[in-house]
């Protein structure tokens, strides 16, 4: 197996079956002052936002407060639109704006552009490019993981800890894409960052998570 960039797989976050048309109808109803529609929107999206907020902050109480602030900011933003905006992007952008306003996040577009690219897998796990038979291939093939459902609590703790250790730029991209369910180009627009740079950060973040899970699961299996 050679080192190479992977394609961007579907998100495991928000339900992709929620159509853009249904989102627009819900947003239109809220913009027209329909309180019932707003309450239904809050009930549907708050658990998803809380997951994103928890991954961003690493603290349940802070995440709950961030979600409340996000809804206030999002409602204010909706009132300023003449045509219904995309709900998912609006909510996640509102969450990021609130997190920055309260000091939970600090990176701006310049920080995302300047983030240093790093190998997504330690280079010593691969044979040198000068190798006579298998240049760039695995030096030692990855071991098979035990079943992920064997200890779901340990897996969740490992993921949460690994996400918390990510640089902010990687963590935010990962949360928007894999918890928020945004397409990579939408994440790039929210952050005002080139799509290629966004994809690089996402790939690095996912690789870091995979490495943390690999270490934890293989250590547990021993």
N, C-alpha and C. Protein backbone atom coordinates (compact mmCIF):
# COMPACT_ATOMS: atom_id res chain seq x y z
N UNK A 1 0.85 -1.21 0.00
CA UNK A 1 0.00 0.00 0.00
C UNK A 1 0.87 1.24 0.00
N UNK A 2 0.65 2.14 -0.92
CA UNK A 2 1.45 3.35 -1.01
C UNK A 2 0.79 4.47 -0.22
N UNK A 3 1.60 5.49 0.13
CA UNK A 3 1.07 6.68 0.76
C UNK A 3 0.34 7.49 -0.31
N UNK A 4 -0.88 7.85 -0.04
CA UNK A 4 -1.60 8.69 -0.99
C UNK A 4 -2.79 9.31 -0.29
N UNK A 5 -3.31 10.36 -0.89
CA UNK A 5 -4.48 11.03 -0.34
C UNK A 5 -5.70 10.19 -0.62
N UNK A 6 -6.62 10.18 0.33
CA UNK A 6 -7.85 9.43 0.14
C UNK A 6 -8.95 10.33 -0.38
N UNK A 7 -9.98 9.71 -0.94
CA UNK A 7 -11.14 10.47 -1.36
C UNK A 7 -11.95 10.84 -0.14
N UNK A 8 -12.85 11.78 -0.31
CA UNK A 8 -13.63 12.30 0.81
C UNK A 8 -14.89 11.47 0.94
N UNK A 9 -14.96 10.54 1.93
CA UNK A 9 -16.13 9.67 2.03
C UNK A 9 -17.33 10.40 2.58
N UNK A 10 -18.52 9.81 2.46
CA UNK A 10 -19.71 10.44 3.01
C UNK A 10 -19.56 10.67 4.50
N UNK A 11 -20.21 11.73 4.98
CA UNK A 11 -20.14 12.03 6.39
C UNK A 11 -20.94 11.03 7.20
N UNK A 12 -20.45 10.80 8.42
CA UNK A 12 -21.19 9.96 9.36
C UNK A 12 -22.00 10.80 10.33
N UNK A 13 -22.15 12.09 10.03
CA UNK A 13 -22.81 13.00 10.95
C UNK A 13 -24.29 13.13 10.72
N UNK A 14 -24.72 14.30 10.34
CA UNK A 14 -26.14 14.58 10.20
C UNK A 14 -26.80 13.69 9.16
N UNK A 15 -28.06 13.45 9.32
CA UNK A 15 -28.82 12.56 8.45
C UNK A 15 -28.88 13.13 7.03
N UNK A 16 -28.26 12.46 6.04
CA UNK A 16 -28.25 13.00 4.67
C UNK A 16 -29.61 12.91 3.99
N UNK A 17 -30.58 12.19 4.61
CA UNK A 17 -31.89 12.07 3.99
C UNK A 17 -32.71 13.35 4.12
N UNK A 18 -32.25 14.25 4.98
CA UNK A 18 -32.96 15.53 5.12
C UNK A 18 -32.69 16.34 3.86
N UNK A 19 -33.71 16.53 3.04
CA UNK A 19 -33.51 17.17 1.75
C UNK A 19 -33.40 18.68 1.90
N UNK A 20 -32.74 19.28 0.91
CA UNK A 20 -32.63 20.72 0.90
C UNK A 20 -34.01 21.38 0.82
N UNK A 21 -34.92 20.74 0.09
CA UNK A 21 -36.27 21.30 -0.06
C UNK A 21 -37.00 21.35 1.28
N UNK A 22 -36.89 20.27 2.07
CA UNK A 22 -37.57 20.25 3.36
C UNK A 22 -36.94 21.25 4.31
N UNK A 23 -35.62 21.43 4.22
CA UNK A 23 -34.96 22.43 5.05
C UNK A 23 -35.45 23.82 4.68
N UNK A 24 -35.57 24.09 3.39
CA UNK A 24 -36.03 25.42 2.96
C UNK A 24 -37.45 25.69 3.44
N UNK A 25 -38.31 24.66 3.40
CA UNK A 25 -39.68 24.85 3.88
C UNK A 25 -39.69 25.18 5.37
N UNK A 26 -38.86 24.45 6.13
CA UNK A 26 -38.81 24.70 7.57
C UNK A 26 -38.27 26.10 7.86
N UNK A 27 -37.23 26.50 7.14
CA UNK A 27 -36.65 27.83 7.35
C UNK A 27 -37.65 28.91 6.96
N UNK A 28 -38.37 28.72 5.86
CA UNK A 28 -39.37 29.70 5.42
C UNK A 28 -40.45 29.88 6.48
N UNK A 29 -40.88 28.77 7.08
CA UNK A 29 -41.92 28.86 8.12
C UNK A 29 -41.41 29.64 9.32
N UNK A 30 -40.17 29.38 9.73
CA UNK A 30 -39.60 30.11 10.86
C UNK A 30 -39.45 31.59 10.53
N UNK A 31 -39.01 31.90 9.31
CA UNK A 31 -38.85 33.29 8.90
C UNK A 31 -40.18 34.04 8.87
N UNK A 32 -41.26 33.30 8.67
CA UNK A 32 -42.59 33.94 8.63
C UNK A 32 -43.19 34.11 10.03
N UNK A 33 -42.44 33.66 11.05
CA UNK A 33 -42.90 33.84 12.42
C UNK A 33 -43.62 32.65 13.01
N UNK A 34 -43.52 31.49 12.38
CA UNK A 34 -44.20 30.29 12.87
C UNK A 34 -43.43 29.72 14.07
N UNK A 35 -43.96 29.95 15.27
CA UNK A 35 -43.26 29.51 16.48
C UNK A 35 -43.22 28.00 16.58
N UNK A 36 -44.29 27.33 16.16
CA UNK A 36 -44.31 25.86 16.20
C UNK A 36 -43.22 25.29 15.32
N UNK A 37 -43.03 25.88 14.15
CA UNK A 37 -41.98 25.42 13.24
C UNK A 37 -40.60 25.63 13.86
N UNK A 38 -40.43 26.74 14.57
CA UNK A 38 -39.15 27.00 15.21
C UNK A 38 -38.87 25.99 16.31
N UNK A 39 -39.88 25.69 17.14
CA UNK A 39 -39.71 24.72 18.21
C UNK A 39 -39.39 23.34 17.64
N UNK A 40 -40.04 22.99 16.52
CA UNK A 40 -39.76 21.71 15.89
C UNK A 40 -38.33 21.68 15.35
N UNK A 41 -37.87 22.79 14.81
CA UNK A 41 -36.50 22.88 14.30
C UNK A 41 -35.50 22.71 15.43
N UNK A 42 -35.77 23.36 16.56
CA UNK A 42 -34.88 23.27 17.71
C UNK A 42 -34.81 21.82 18.20
N UNK A 43 -35.98 21.17 18.29
CA UNK A 43 -36.02 19.79 18.76
C UNK A 43 -35.26 18.86 17.83
N UNK A 44 -35.35 19.10 16.53
CA UNK A 44 -34.70 18.22 15.56
C UNK A 44 -33.19 18.42 15.53
N UNK A 45 -32.76 19.67 15.57
CA UNK A 45 -31.35 19.96 15.33
C UNK A 45 -30.50 20.09 16.58
N UNK A 46 -31.11 20.33 17.74
CA UNK A 46 -30.30 20.54 18.95
C UNK A 46 -29.42 19.34 19.31
N UNK A 47 -29.92 18.09 19.22
CA UNK A 47 -29.01 16.97 19.52
C UNK A 47 -27.80 16.92 18.59
N UNK A 48 -28.01 17.27 17.34
CA UNK A 48 -26.91 17.26 16.38
C UNK A 48 -25.92 18.37 16.69
N UNK A 49 -26.46 19.53 17.02
CA UNK A 49 -25.59 20.64 17.39
C UNK A 49 -24.82 20.35 18.67
N UNK A 50 -25.47 19.67 19.61
CA UNK A 50 -24.79 19.35 20.85
C UNK A 50 -23.61 18.41 20.60
N UNK A 51 -23.80 17.45 19.71
CA UNK A 51 -22.68 16.57 19.37
C UNK A 51 -21.52 17.36 18.80
N UNK A 52 -21.83 18.28 17.88
CA UNK A 52 -20.77 19.12 17.31
C UNK A 52 -20.14 19.99 18.38
N UNK A 53 -20.97 20.59 19.24
CA UNK A 53 -20.45 21.45 20.30
C UNK A 53 -19.58 20.70 21.29
N UNK A 54 -19.97 19.47 21.59
CA UNK A 54 -19.19 18.67 22.52
C UNK A 54 -17.84 18.31 21.93
N UNK A 55 -17.81 18.01 20.64
CA UNK A 55 -16.54 17.71 19.99
C UNK A 55 -15.65 18.96 19.91
N UNK A 56 -16.27 20.12 19.76
CA UNK A 56 -15.47 21.35 19.68
C UNK A 56 -14.90 21.74 21.03
N UNK A 57 -15.70 21.58 22.10
CA UNK A 57 -15.32 22.11 23.40
C UNK A 57 -14.79 21.05 24.36
N UNK A 58 -15.24 19.80 24.20
CA UNK A 58 -14.82 18.75 25.11
C UNK A 58 -15.47 18.79 26.47
N UNK A 59 -16.50 19.63 26.64
CA UNK A 59 -17.15 19.77 27.95
C UNK A 59 -18.66 19.85 27.75
N UNK A 60 -19.42 19.02 28.49
CA UNK A 60 -20.87 18.95 28.28
C UNK A 60 -21.57 20.26 28.63
N UNK A 61 -21.24 20.85 29.76
CA UNK A 61 -21.89 22.09 30.18
C UNK A 61 -21.58 23.22 29.19
N UNK A 62 -20.34 23.31 28.77
CA UNK A 62 -19.95 24.34 27.80
C UNK A 62 -20.66 24.11 26.47
N UNK A 63 -20.78 22.86 26.07
CA UNK A 63 -21.46 22.54 24.81
C UNK A 63 -22.94 22.94 24.88
N UNK A 64 -23.60 22.66 26.01
CA UNK A 64 -25.01 23.02 26.15
C UNK A 64 -25.20 24.53 26.06
N UNK A 65 -24.32 25.28 26.71
CA UNK A 65 -24.41 26.74 26.64
C UNK A 65 -24.15 27.24 25.22
N UNK A 66 -23.20 26.60 24.54
CA UNK A 66 -22.89 26.99 23.16
C UNK A 66 -24.09 26.75 22.25
N UNK A 67 -24.80 25.65 22.46
CA UNK A 67 -25.98 25.36 21.64
C UNK A 67 -27.05 26.43 21.86
N UNK A 68 -27.29 26.82 23.10
CA UNK A 68 -28.28 27.87 23.38
C UNK A 68 -27.90 29.17 22.69
N UNK A 69 -26.65 29.54 22.80
CA UNK A 69 -26.19 30.77 22.15
C UNK A 69 -26.28 30.67 20.63
N UNK A 70 -26.01 29.48 20.12
CA UNK A 70 -26.10 29.25 18.67
C UNK A 70 -27.51 29.51 18.17
N UNK A 71 -28.51 29.02 18.88
CA UNK A 71 -29.89 29.23 18.44
C UNK A 71 -30.27 30.71 18.45
N UNK A 72 -29.82 31.44 19.46
CA UNK A 72 -30.13 32.87 19.48
C UNK A 72 -29.50 33.58 18.29
N UNK A 73 -28.25 33.27 18.02
CA UNK A 73 -27.58 33.92 16.89
C UNK A 73 -28.21 33.50 15.57
N UNK A 74 -28.55 32.22 15.44
CA UNK A 74 -29.14 31.73 14.19
C UNK A 74 -30.50 32.39 13.94
N UNK A 75 -31.30 32.55 14.99
CA UNK A 75 -32.62 33.18 14.82
C UNK A 75 -32.46 34.63 14.40
N UNK A 76 -31.51 35.32 14.98
CA UNK A 76 -31.24 36.70 14.57
C UNK A 76 -30.82 36.76 13.11
N UNK A 77 -29.99 35.81 12.70
CA UNK A 77 -29.54 35.78 11.31
C UNK A 77 -30.69 35.50 10.36
N UNK A 78 -31.57 34.58 10.73
CA UNK A 78 -32.72 34.24 9.87
C UNK A 78 -33.59 35.47 9.62
N UNK A 79 -33.77 36.27 10.62
CA UNK A 79 -34.62 37.46 10.47
C UNK A 79 -34.04 38.47 9.49
N UNK A 80 -32.72 38.38 9.24
CA UNK A 80 -32.06 39.32 8.35
C UNK A 80 -32.11 38.89 6.90
N UNK A 81 -32.48 37.61 6.64
CA UNK A 81 -32.51 37.09 5.28
C UNK A 81 -33.85 37.40 4.61
N UNK A 82 -33.79 37.64 3.31
CA UNK A 82 -35.02 37.78 2.53
C UNK A 82 -35.44 36.47 1.91
N UNK A 83 -34.47 35.63 1.57
CA UNK A 83 -34.76 34.30 1.03
C UNK A 83 -34.16 33.26 1.98
N UNK A 84 -34.77 32.08 2.08
CA UNK A 84 -34.30 31.08 3.03
C UNK A 84 -32.87 30.64 2.75
N UNK A 85 -31.98 30.73 3.72
CA UNK A 85 -30.60 30.24 3.55
C UNK A 85 -30.53 28.73 3.83
N UNK A 86 -29.40 28.12 3.53
CA UNK A 86 -29.20 26.72 3.87
C UNK A 86 -29.11 26.58 5.38
N UNK A 87 -29.97 25.75 5.96
CA UNK A 87 -30.08 25.66 7.42
C UNK A 87 -28.83 25.08 8.06
N UNK A 88 -28.33 24.00 7.52
CA UNK A 88 -27.17 23.33 8.11
C UNK A 88 -25.98 24.28 8.21
N UNK A 89 -25.65 24.94 7.10
CA UNK A 89 -24.51 25.86 7.09
C UNK A 89 -24.76 27.04 8.02
N UNK A 90 -25.99 27.54 8.04
CA UNK A 90 -26.32 28.67 8.91
C UNK A 90 -26.10 28.31 10.38
N UNK A 91 -26.59 27.14 10.80
CA UNK A 91 -26.45 26.73 12.20
C UNK A 91 -24.99 26.53 12.58
N UNK A 92 -24.24 25.86 11.72
CA UNK A 92 -22.85 25.59 12.05
C UNK A 92 -22.00 26.86 12.01
N UNK A 93 -22.31 27.76 11.07
CA UNK A 93 -21.60 29.04 11.05
C UNK A 93 -21.94 29.83 12.31
N UNK A 94 -23.20 29.79 12.74
CA UNK A 94 -23.59 30.48 13.96
C UNK A 94 -22.87 29.90 15.17
N UNK A 95 -22.71 28.58 15.20
CA UNK A 95 -21.99 27.95 16.30
C UNK A 95 -20.54 28.39 16.33
N UNK A 96 -19.89 28.42 15.18
CA UNK A 96 -18.50 28.86 15.13
C UNK A 96 -18.37 30.31 15.55
N UNK A 97 -19.28 31.16 15.09
CA UNK A 97 -19.23 32.58 15.45
C UNK A 97 -19.39 32.76 16.95
N UNK A 98 -20.30 31.99 17.56
CA UNK A 98 -20.49 32.07 19.00
C UNK A 98 -19.26 31.56 19.75
N UNK A 99 -18.69 30.47 19.26
CA UNK A 99 -17.51 29.92 19.91
C UNK A 99 -16.34 30.91 19.85
N UNK A 100 -16.23 31.62 18.76
CA UNK A 100 -15.17 32.62 18.65
C UNK A 100 -15.47 33.83 19.52
N UNK A 101 -16.74 34.25 19.55
CA UNK A 101 -17.11 35.42 20.34
C UNK A 101 -16.89 35.20 21.84
N UNK A 102 -17.02 33.96 22.28
CA UNK A 102 -16.87 33.65 23.71
C UNK A 102 -15.47 33.12 24.04
N UNK A 103 -14.58 33.12 23.07
CA UNK A 103 -13.21 32.72 23.32
C UNK A 103 -12.95 31.24 23.32
N UNK A 104 -13.94 30.44 22.93
CA UNK A 104 -13.74 28.99 22.88
C UNK A 104 -12.87 28.59 21.69
N UNK A 105 -12.96 29.36 20.62
CA UNK A 105 -12.13 29.16 19.44
C UNK A 105 -11.46 30.47 19.10
N UNK A 106 -10.31 30.40 18.44
CA UNK A 106 -9.59 31.64 18.13
C UNK A 106 -9.07 31.70 16.70
N UNK A 107 -9.00 30.58 16.00
CA UNK A 107 -8.41 30.57 14.66
C UNK A 107 -9.28 31.32 13.66
N UNK A 108 -8.64 32.09 12.78
CA UNK A 108 -9.35 32.77 11.71
C UNK A 108 -8.94 32.16 10.37
N UNK A 109 -9.46 32.73 9.29
CA UNK A 109 -9.19 32.16 7.97
C UNK A 109 -7.69 32.10 7.68
N UNK A 110 -6.95 33.10 8.13
CA UNK A 110 -5.52 33.10 7.91
C UNK A 110 -4.82 31.93 8.59
N UNK A 111 -5.30 31.57 9.78
CA UNK A 111 -4.70 30.44 10.49
C UNK A 111 -4.94 29.13 9.75
N UNK A 112 -6.12 29.00 9.14
CA UNK A 112 -6.41 27.77 8.38
C UNK A 112 -5.53 27.69 7.14
N UNK A 113 -5.33 28.84 6.49
CA UNK A 113 -4.49 28.82 5.29
C UNK A 113 -3.03 28.55 5.64
N UNK A 114 -2.61 29.01 6.82
CA UNK A 114 -1.20 28.90 7.20
C UNK A 114 -0.89 27.60 7.92
N UNK A 115 -1.92 26.81 8.25
CA UNK A 115 -1.69 25.57 9.00
C UNK A 115 -0.70 24.69 8.25
N UNK A 116 0.28 24.19 8.97
CA UNK A 116 1.36 23.41 8.36
C UNK A 116 0.90 22.00 8.05
N UNK A 117 1.13 21.59 6.82
CA UNK A 117 0.82 20.21 6.45
C UNK A 117 1.82 19.27 7.12
N UNK A 118 1.33 18.12 7.54
CA UNK A 118 2.19 17.14 8.20
C UNK A 118 1.85 15.76 7.66
N UNK A 119 2.80 14.82 7.72
CA UNK A 119 2.49 13.45 7.29
C UNK A 119 1.32 12.89 8.08
N UNK A 120 0.38 12.27 7.39
CA UNK A 120 -0.79 11.75 8.09
C UNK A 120 -0.51 10.40 8.74
N UNK A 121 0.55 9.74 8.34
CA UNK A 121 1.01 8.50 8.95
C UNK A 121 2.51 8.64 9.15
N UNK A 122 3.05 8.24 10.31
CA UNK A 122 4.50 8.35 10.53
C UNK A 122 5.29 7.72 9.39
N UNK A 123 6.27 8.44 8.89
CA UNK A 123 7.00 7.99 7.71
C UNK A 123 7.77 6.70 7.96
N UNK A 124 8.10 6.44 9.24
CA UNK A 124 8.88 5.24 9.51
C UNK A 124 8.05 3.96 9.40
N UNK A 125 6.76 4.10 9.14
CA UNK A 125 5.93 2.92 8.93
C UNK A 125 5.99 2.46 7.47
N UNK A 126 6.72 3.21 6.64
CA UNK A 126 6.82 2.87 5.22
C UNK A 126 8.26 2.59 4.83
N UNK A 127 8.41 1.76 3.83
CA UNK A 127 9.74 1.52 3.27
C UNK A 127 10.19 2.76 2.51
N UNK A 128 11.50 2.99 2.45
CA UNK A 128 11.99 4.18 1.73
C UNK A 128 11.67 4.10 0.24
N UNK A 129 11.59 5.26 -0.38
CA UNK A 129 11.29 5.32 -1.81
C UNK A 129 12.41 4.68 -2.64
N UNK A 130 13.58 4.52 -2.03
CA UNK A 130 14.70 3.91 -2.75
C UNK A 130 14.71 2.39 -2.62
N UNK A 131 13.74 1.83 -1.94
CA UNK A 131 13.70 0.38 -1.73
C UNK A 131 13.63 -0.33 -3.08
N UNK A 132 14.42 -1.38 -3.22
CA UNK A 132 14.56 -2.04 -4.53
C UNK A 132 13.30 -2.77 -4.99
N UNK A 133 12.49 -3.25 -4.05
CA UNK A 133 11.35 -4.06 -4.45
C UNK A 133 10.01 -3.40 -4.14
N UNK A 134 9.88 -2.77 -2.97
CA UNK A 134 8.59 -2.22 -2.56
C UNK A 134 8.74 -0.76 -2.10
N UNK A 135 9.13 0.12 -2.98
CA UNK A 135 9.31 1.52 -2.56
C UNK A 135 7.99 2.16 -2.12
N UNK A 136 8.02 2.75 -0.93
CA UNK A 136 6.85 3.46 -0.43
C UNK A 136 5.77 2.59 0.16
N UNK A 137 5.99 1.25 0.18
CA UNK A 137 4.98 0.36 0.75
C UNK A 137 5.16 0.26 2.27
N UNK A 138 4.17 -0.40 2.91
CA UNK A 138 4.26 -0.58 4.35
C UNK A 138 5.53 -1.34 4.72
N UNK A 139 6.24 -0.86 5.74
CA UNK A 139 7.36 -1.62 6.28
C UNK A 139 6.82 -2.79 7.10
N UNK A 140 5.79 -2.51 7.89
CA UNK A 140 5.07 -3.54 8.63
C UNK A 140 3.59 -3.30 8.41
N UNK A 141 2.89 -4.22 7.79
CA UNK A 141 1.47 -3.99 7.50
C UNK A 141 0.67 -3.71 8.77
N UNK A 142 -0.35 -2.88 8.70
CA UNK A 142 -1.19 -2.61 9.87
C UNK A 142 -1.84 -3.89 10.40
N UNK A 143 -1.98 -3.95 11.71
CA UNK A 143 -2.62 -5.12 12.30
C UNK A 143 -4.14 -5.00 12.22
N UNK A 144 -4.79 -6.13 12.23
CA UNK A 144 -6.25 -6.13 12.22
C UNK A 144 -6.77 -5.67 13.57
N UNK A 145 -7.75 -4.78 13.54
CA UNK A 145 -8.32 -4.26 14.78
C UNK A 145 -9.31 -5.25 15.37
N UNK A 146 -9.46 -5.25 16.69
CA UNK A 146 -10.57 -6.00 17.29
C UNK A 146 -11.89 -5.30 16.97
N UNK A 147 -12.98 -5.97 17.24
CA UNK A 147 -14.30 -5.40 16.94
C UNK A 147 -14.48 -4.09 17.69
N UNK A 148 -14.95 -3.06 16.97
CA UNK A 148 -15.13 -1.75 17.58
C UNK A 148 -16.24 -1.75 18.63
N UNK A 149 -17.19 -2.70 18.51
CA UNK A 149 -18.30 -2.72 19.46
C UNK A 149 -17.98 -3.55 20.70
N UNK A 150 -16.73 -4.04 20.81
CA UNK A 150 -16.37 -4.84 21.97
C UNK A 150 -16.38 -4.00 23.24
N UNK A 151 -15.97 -2.73 23.13
CA UNK A 151 -15.95 -1.82 24.27
C UNK A 151 -16.30 -0.42 23.77
N UNK A 152 -17.59 -0.16 23.51
CA UNK A 152 -17.98 1.12 22.92
C UNK A 152 -17.60 2.31 23.78
N UNK A 153 -17.61 2.14 25.10
CA UNK A 153 -17.23 3.25 25.97
C UNK A 153 -15.78 3.65 25.77
N UNK A 154 -14.92 2.66 25.64
CA UNK A 154 -13.50 2.94 25.42
C UNK A 154 -13.28 3.61 24.07
N UNK A 155 -14.02 3.17 23.06
CA UNK A 155 -13.90 3.79 21.73
C UNK A 155 -14.33 5.25 21.79
N UNK A 156 -15.47 5.52 22.45
CA UNK A 156 -15.96 6.89 22.56
C UNK A 156 -14.97 7.76 23.32
N UNK A 157 -14.43 7.25 24.42
CA UNK A 157 -13.45 8.03 25.20
C UNK A 157 -12.20 8.31 24.37
N UNK A 158 -11.78 7.33 23.59
CA UNK A 158 -10.59 7.50 22.77
C UNK A 158 -10.82 8.55 21.69
N UNK A 159 -11.99 8.50 21.05
CA UNK A 159 -12.31 9.49 20.02
C UNK A 159 -12.37 10.88 20.61
N UNK A 160 -13.08 11.03 21.75
CA UNK A 160 -13.20 12.34 22.37
C UNK A 160 -11.84 12.90 22.75
N UNK A 161 -10.98 12.05 23.32
CA UNK A 161 -9.65 12.50 23.71
C UNK A 161 -8.81 12.87 22.50
N UNK A 162 -8.91 12.08 21.44
CA UNK A 162 -8.13 12.36 20.23
C UNK A 162 -8.59 13.65 19.56
N UNK A 163 -9.90 13.87 19.50
CA UNK A 163 -10.41 15.11 18.91
C UNK A 163 -9.95 16.31 19.72
N UNK A 164 -9.98 16.19 21.04
CA UNK A 164 -9.56 17.30 21.90
C UNK A 164 -8.10 17.67 21.69
N UNK A 165 -7.27 16.70 21.31
CA UNK A 165 -5.84 16.96 21.12
C UNK A 165 -5.52 17.53 19.74
N UNK A 166 -6.46 17.51 18.83
CA UNK A 166 -6.20 18.02 17.49
C UNK A 166 -5.96 19.53 17.53
N UNK A 167 -5.12 20.05 16.65
CA UNK A 167 -5.04 21.50 16.50
C UNK A 167 -6.41 22.05 16.14
N UNK A 168 -6.68 23.26 16.58
CA UNK A 168 -8.02 23.83 16.38
C UNK A 168 -8.46 23.78 14.92
N UNK A 169 -7.54 24.09 14.02
CA UNK A 169 -7.92 24.12 12.60
C UNK A 169 -8.39 22.76 12.12
N UNK A 170 -7.70 21.71 12.54
CA UNK A 170 -8.12 20.35 12.15
C UNK A 170 -9.42 19.97 12.85
N UNK A 171 -9.51 20.31 14.13
CA UNK A 171 -10.69 19.92 14.90
C UNK A 171 -11.96 20.54 14.34
N UNK A 172 -11.90 21.81 13.99
CA UNK A 172 -13.08 22.48 13.45
C UNK A 172 -13.49 21.89 12.11
N UNK A 173 -12.54 21.67 11.23
CA UNK A 173 -12.85 21.08 9.92
C UNK A 173 -13.48 19.70 10.10
N UNK A 174 -12.91 18.90 10.99
CA UNK A 174 -13.44 17.56 11.24
C UNK A 174 -14.86 17.62 11.78
N UNK A 175 -15.13 18.51 12.71
CA UNK A 175 -16.47 18.62 13.30
C UNK A 175 -17.48 19.09 12.27
N UNK A 176 -17.13 20.09 11.49
CA UNK A 176 -18.06 20.57 10.47
C UNK A 176 -18.38 19.49 9.45
N UNK A 177 -17.36 18.73 9.07
CA UNK A 177 -17.56 17.72 8.03
C UNK A 177 -18.21 16.44 8.57
N UNK A 178 -17.67 15.89 9.65
CA UNK A 178 -18.09 14.57 10.08
C UNK A 178 -19.14 14.58 11.17
N UNK A 179 -19.23 15.63 11.96
CA UNK A 179 -20.34 15.77 12.91
C UNK A 179 -21.44 16.65 12.31
N UNK A 180 -21.04 17.71 11.63
CA UNK A 180 -22.01 18.62 11.05
C UNK A 180 -22.62 18.14 9.75
N UNK A 181 -21.93 17.22 9.07
CA UNK A 181 -22.49 16.68 7.84
C UNK A 181 -22.38 17.58 6.64
N UNK A 182 -21.56 18.63 6.73
CA UNK A 182 -21.37 19.52 5.58
C UNK A 182 -20.45 18.87 4.55
N UNK A 183 -20.70 19.17 3.28
CA UNK A 183 -19.75 18.77 2.25
C UNK A 183 -18.47 19.57 2.43
N UNK A 184 -17.38 19.04 1.92
CA UNK A 184 -16.10 19.71 2.12
C UNK A 184 -16.08 21.10 1.51
N UNK A 185 -16.71 21.27 0.36
CA UNK A 185 -16.71 22.60 -0.24
C UNK A 185 -17.55 23.58 0.58
N UNK A 186 -18.60 23.07 1.27
CA UNK A 186 -19.38 23.94 2.15
C UNK A 186 -18.57 24.33 3.38
N UNK A 187 -17.80 23.38 3.91
CA UNK A 187 -16.92 23.70 5.04
C UNK A 187 -15.94 24.79 4.62
N UNK A 188 -15.39 24.67 3.43
CA UNK A 188 -14.45 25.67 2.94
C UNK A 188 -15.08 27.05 2.86
N UNK A 189 -16.35 27.09 2.42
CA UNK A 189 -17.04 28.39 2.33
C UNK A 189 -17.31 28.96 3.72
N UNK A 190 -17.72 28.11 4.65
CA UNK A 190 -17.98 28.59 6.01
C UNK A 190 -16.72 29.20 6.62
N UNK A 191 -15.58 28.58 6.36
CA UNK A 191 -14.32 29.03 6.96
C UNK A 191 -13.57 30.03 6.09
N UNK A 192 -14.07 30.28 4.87
CA UNK A 192 -13.39 31.18 3.93
C UNK A 192 -11.97 30.69 3.64
N UNK A 193 -11.88 29.39 3.38
CA UNK A 193 -10.59 28.74 3.14
C UNK A 193 -10.69 27.95 1.84
N UNK A 194 -9.61 27.85 1.04
CA UNK A 194 -9.67 27.05 -0.18
C UNK A 194 -10.07 25.60 0.11
N UNK A 195 -10.82 25.01 -0.80
CA UNK A 195 -11.29 23.64 -0.61
C UNK A 195 -10.13 22.67 -0.47
N UNK A 196 -9.08 22.85 -1.26
CA UNK A 196 -7.93 21.94 -1.18
C UNK A 196 -7.29 21.98 0.21
N UNK A 197 -7.17 23.16 0.78
CA UNK A 197 -6.60 23.29 2.13
C UNK A 197 -7.51 22.64 3.17
N UNK A 198 -8.82 22.81 2.99
CA UNK A 198 -9.80 22.19 3.88
C UNK A 198 -9.69 20.68 3.82
N UNK A 199 -9.56 20.14 2.61
CA UNK A 199 -9.45 18.69 2.45
C UNK A 199 -8.16 18.16 3.10
N UNK A 200 -7.08 18.91 3.00
CA UNK A 200 -5.82 18.51 3.64
C UNK A 200 -6.00 18.42 5.16
N UNK A 201 -6.62 19.43 5.74
CA UNK A 201 -6.82 19.45 7.19
C UNK A 201 -7.74 18.31 7.64
N UNK A 202 -8.76 18.04 6.83
CA UNK A 202 -9.67 16.94 7.15
C UNK A 202 -8.94 15.60 7.12
N UNK A 203 -8.12 15.41 6.11
CA UNK A 203 -7.38 14.16 5.98
C UNK A 203 -6.43 13.98 7.16
N UNK A 204 -5.74 15.05 7.56
CA UNK A 204 -4.83 14.96 8.70
C UNK A 204 -5.58 14.63 9.98
N UNK A 205 -6.75 15.26 10.18
CA UNK A 205 -7.53 15.02 11.39
C UNK A 205 -8.02 13.58 11.46
N UNK A 206 -8.53 13.08 10.35
CA UNK A 206 -9.01 11.69 10.32
C UNK A 206 -7.88 10.71 10.56
N UNK A 207 -6.71 11.00 10.00
CA UNK A 207 -5.57 10.11 10.20
C UNK A 207 -5.14 10.10 11.66
N UNK A 208 -5.19 11.27 12.31
CA UNK A 208 -4.83 11.33 13.73
C UNK A 208 -5.81 10.52 14.57
N UNK A 209 -7.09 10.61 14.24
CA UNK A 209 -8.09 9.83 14.96
C UNK A 209 -7.86 8.33 14.76
N UNK A 210 -7.58 7.96 13.53
CA UNK A 210 -7.35 6.55 13.25
C UNK A 210 -6.14 6.03 14.04
N UNK A 211 -5.09 6.83 14.09
CA UNK A 211 -3.91 6.42 14.82
C UNK A 211 -4.18 6.24 16.31
N UNK A 212 -4.97 7.16 16.88
CA UNK A 212 -5.31 7.06 18.30
C UNK A 212 -6.15 5.82 18.57
N UNK A 213 -7.12 5.56 17.70
CA UNK A 213 -7.95 4.37 17.87
C UNK A 213 -7.12 3.10 17.72
N UNK A 214 -6.22 3.11 16.76
CA UNK A 214 -5.38 1.93 16.54
C UNK A 214 -4.56 1.62 17.79
N UNK A 215 -3.93 2.63 18.37
CA UNK A 215 -3.11 2.43 19.55
C UNK A 215 -3.95 1.91 20.71
N UNK A 216 -5.13 2.51 20.92
CA UNK A 216 -5.97 2.12 22.06
C UNK A 216 -6.50 0.70 21.89
N UNK A 217 -7.02 0.40 20.71
CA UNK A 217 -7.66 -0.89 20.49
C UNK A 217 -6.64 -2.04 20.49
N UNK A 218 -5.49 -1.82 19.88
CA UNK A 218 -4.48 -2.87 19.86
C UNK A 218 -3.86 -3.08 21.24
N UNK A 219 -3.74 -1.98 22.00
CA UNK A 219 -3.22 -2.12 23.37
C UNK A 219 -4.20 -2.89 24.24
N UNK A 220 -5.50 -2.64 24.03
CA UNK A 220 -6.53 -3.32 24.79
C UNK A 220 -6.57 -4.80 24.44
N UNK A 221 -6.29 -5.10 23.17
CA UNK A 221 -6.37 -6.49 22.70
C UNK A 221 -5.22 -7.34 23.20
N UNK A 222 -4.10 -6.69 23.57
CA UNK A 222 -2.91 -7.44 24.01
C UNK A 222 -3.14 -8.11 25.38
